[in-house]
Every structure is written in structure tokens, then in C-alpha cells.
Protein backbone atom coordinates (compact mmCIF):
# COMPACT_ATOMS: atom_id res chain seq x y z
CA MET A 1 0.00 0.00 0.00
CA PRO A 2 1.55 3.34 -1.00
CA HIS A 3 2.13 5.89 1.72
CA LYS A 4 -0.08 8.98 1.35
CA PRO A 5 1.50 12.25 2.48
CA GLU A 6 -0.36 13.88 5.34
CA LEU A 7 1.98 16.76 6.13
CA PRO A 8 3.08 19.60 3.81
CA PHE A 9 6.68 18.28 3.72
CA ASP A 10 5.87 14.60 3.76
CA SER A 11 7.00 14.08 0.17
CA ILE A 12 9.94 15.10 -1.96
CA GLU A 13 7.59 16.87 -4.38
CA SER A 14 6.06 19.08 -1.69
CA ALA A 15 9.52 19.94 -0.33
CA HIS A 16 10.65 20.78 -3.87
CA ASP A 17 7.61 23.03 -4.36
CA PHE A 18 8.42 24.84 -1.11
CA VAL A 19 12.08 25.30 -2.06
CA SER A 20 11.01 26.65 -5.47
CA LEU A 21 8.65 29.17 -3.90
CA LEU A 22 11.22 30.22 -1.33
CA SER A 23 13.80 30.62 -4.08
CA GLU A 24 11.47 32.95 -5.98
CA VAL A 25 10.85 35.05 -2.86
CA VAL A 26 14.58 35.24 -2.12
CA THR A 27 15.27 36.35 -5.71
CA ASP A 28 12.60 39.07 -5.47
CA ALA A 29 13.94 40.26 -2.11
CA LYS A 30 17.48 40.33 -3.50
CA ARG A 31 16.33 42.41 -6.47
CA ASP A 32 14.57 44.87 -4.14
CA LEU A 33 17.63 45.10 -1.92
CA GLU A 34 19.89 45.79 -4.90
CA GLU A 35 17.62 48.71 -5.81
CA ASP A 36 17.81 49.99 -2.22
CA ILE A 37 21.60 49.83 -2.36
CA LYS A 38 21.63 51.86 -5.60
CA ARG A 39 19.39 54.47 -3.96
CA GLU A 40 21.53 54.60 -0.82
CA ALA A 41 24.84 54.86 -2.72
CA ASP A 42 24.94 58.67 -2.31
CA SER A 43 23.44 58.64 1.17
CA LYS A 44 24.83 60.43 4.22
CA PHE A 45 24.51 57.22 6.20
CA PRO A 46 27.33 54.83 5.26
CA ARG A 47 26.39 52.40 8.03
CA ARG A 48 22.96 52.00 6.50
CA LEU A 49 24.57 51.17 3.15
CA ASP A 50 26.83 48.64 4.91
CA ALA A 51 23.77 47.05 6.52
CA PHE A 52 22.10 46.73 3.10
CA ARG A 53 25.25 45.11 1.69
CA ILE A 54 25.40 42.62 4.57
CA ALA A 55 21.74 41.77 4.03
CA LEU A 56 22.42 41.34 0.29
CA TYR A 57 25.32 39.01 1.08
CA GLY A 58 23.03 36.92 3.30
CA LEU A 59 20.38 36.74 0.58
CA GLU A 60 23.00 35.68 -1.98
CA LYS A 61 24.10 32.84 0.30
CA LEU A 62 20.48 31.83 0.88
CA GLU A 63 19.82 31.92 -2.86
CA SER A 64 22.76 29.61 -3.55
CA HIS A 65 21.55 27.25 -0.81
CA MET A 66 18.09 27.19 -2.39
CA VAL A 67 19.57 26.33 -5.80
CA ARG A 68 21.61 23.51 -4.28
CA SER A 69 18.62 22.26 -2.28
CA GLY A 70 16.50 22.19 -5.43
CA ARG A 71 19.15 20.16 -7.24
CA ILE A 72 19.44 17.73 -4.34
CA LEU A 73 15.66 17.27 -4.28
CA ASN A 74 15.69 16.67 -8.05
CA ASP A 75 18.39 14.03 -7.57
CA LEU A 76 16.38 12.38 -4.82
CA ARG A 77 13.26 12.32 -6.99
CA SER A 78 15.22 10.77 -9.85
CA LEU A 79 16.74 8.14 -7.59
CA ARG A 80 13.36 7.29 -6.08
CA ARG A 81 11.82 6.92 -9.54
CA LEU A 82 14.72 4.78 -10.67
CA LEU A 83 14.49 2.54 -7.63
CA PHE A 84 10.72 2.16 -7.79
CA GLU A 85 10.72 1.51 -11.54
CA GLU A 86 13.41 -1.12 -11.08
CA ARG A 87 11.40 -2.71 -8.31
CA ALA A 88 8.28 -2.58 -10.47
CA SER A 89 10.09 -4.19 -13.41
CA VAL A 90 11.50 -6.93 -11.13
CA GLN A 91 8.01 -7.59 -9.75
CA GLN A 92 6.56 -7.67 -13.28
CA ALA A 93 9.26 -10.09 -14.41
CA ALA A 94 8.52 -12.32 -11.41
CA ALA A 95 4.80 -12.23 -12.20
CA LYS A 96 5.25 -13.37 -15.83
CA PRO A 97 4.77 -17.13 -16.25
CA LYS A 98 7.97 -18.86 -17.25
CA ILE A 99 7.98 -21.91 -19.51
CA PRO A 100 9.89 -24.75 -17.85
CA LYS A 101 12.79 -26.17 -19.85
CA ALA A 102 11.10 -29.56 -20.22
CA GLU A 103 8.05 -27.93 -21.84
CA ALA A 104 10.15 -25.63 -23.99
CA SER A 105 12.03 -28.56 -25.53
CA ALA A 106 8.79 -30.49 -26.09
CA VAL A 107 7.55 -27.91 -28.62
CA PRO A 108 7.76 -29.53 -32.07
CA VAL A 109 9.99 -27.75 -34.56
CA ALA A 110 9.79 -28.51 -38.27
CA PRO A 111 13.11 -29.55 -39.80
CA PRO A 112 14.52 -27.30 -42.50
CA VAL A 113 13.66 -28.23 -46.09
CA LEU A 114 16.06 -28.06 -49.03
CA VAL A 115 14.35 -26.57 -52.10
CA GLN A 116 15.72 -26.61 -55.63
CA VAL A 117 15.42 -23.16 -57.28
CA GLU A 118 16.05 -22.11 -60.86
CA THR A 119 16.98 -18.51 -61.61
CA PRO A 120 15.84 -16.59 -64.72
CA GLY A 121 19.31 -17.01 -66.23
CA GLY A 122 18.92 -20.77 -66.30
CA ASN A 123 21.14 -21.44 -63.30
CA SER A 124 19.83 -23.71 -60.61
CA GLY A 125 20.67 -23.70 -56.94
CA SER A 126 19.56 -24.93 -53.55
CA LEU A 127 17.73 -22.87 -51.01
CA LEU A 128 17.23 -23.81 -47.39
CA ALA A 129 13.63 -23.07 -46.36
CA ALA A 130 12.32 -23.16 -42.84
């Protein structure tokens, strides 16, 4: 019986969706912060500009972590699919009826027949027909 997710982060897909949304929000916040830094470049408050730059640095680190987390989740999804498909194919192979060797050899096979053939040029030859 397959496990049904009950919590928002109970599956790789839901975690991937969350990471994707968080990545978008981080990118938007980073863009807004870059605009704030441009506005504050000529400001009388250098400490405020430094604070914006530190915040931007933190957002850049968070953005790179989100990208890596998304890749890791993709890898995990791929591995899970690979493992479950392999298990499914092994189960399908086990479910297929196999012909025992004794029965397989008992199947009658017609012997090959040698047929005499004449070509349009008047030459004759032999042909092995099944």
C-alpha cells in the first residue's frame, strides 16, 4: 500500500515546491535590496549602506543554498523513480509465467527443407527453407 502524504513536507515533491517558492521570494527580495543599495549609494549614512550590503550578502548565500537544495531534491526524486521503476520491473518479471525447460524442448519444430530453385538465367541452386 503506497504511503499517502499527510503533512506539507511529507514528500519530496512538496519539499521541492516549497524550495522553489522560497527561491522565488529570495530572488525578489534580492532584487529589491539591490535597488535599495543603488538608492543609498549617495546617502549620508554609510552604516545603513553597509547594513544593506550585509543583508544582500546573506540573501545571496540563501539563494545559492536554495539552488543547491533544489538540485538535491531533483536528484532524490530521480533516484526514487529509478528505484521504484526497477522494483516494479523486477516484480513484473517475477509475475510473468515462465515456460519450464522440459516444456520448452517439447515444442515440435519442423526440420529445414532443401528446395531446388532455378533462376531466370537458367542457373539452378539450392535454397534452405524453414
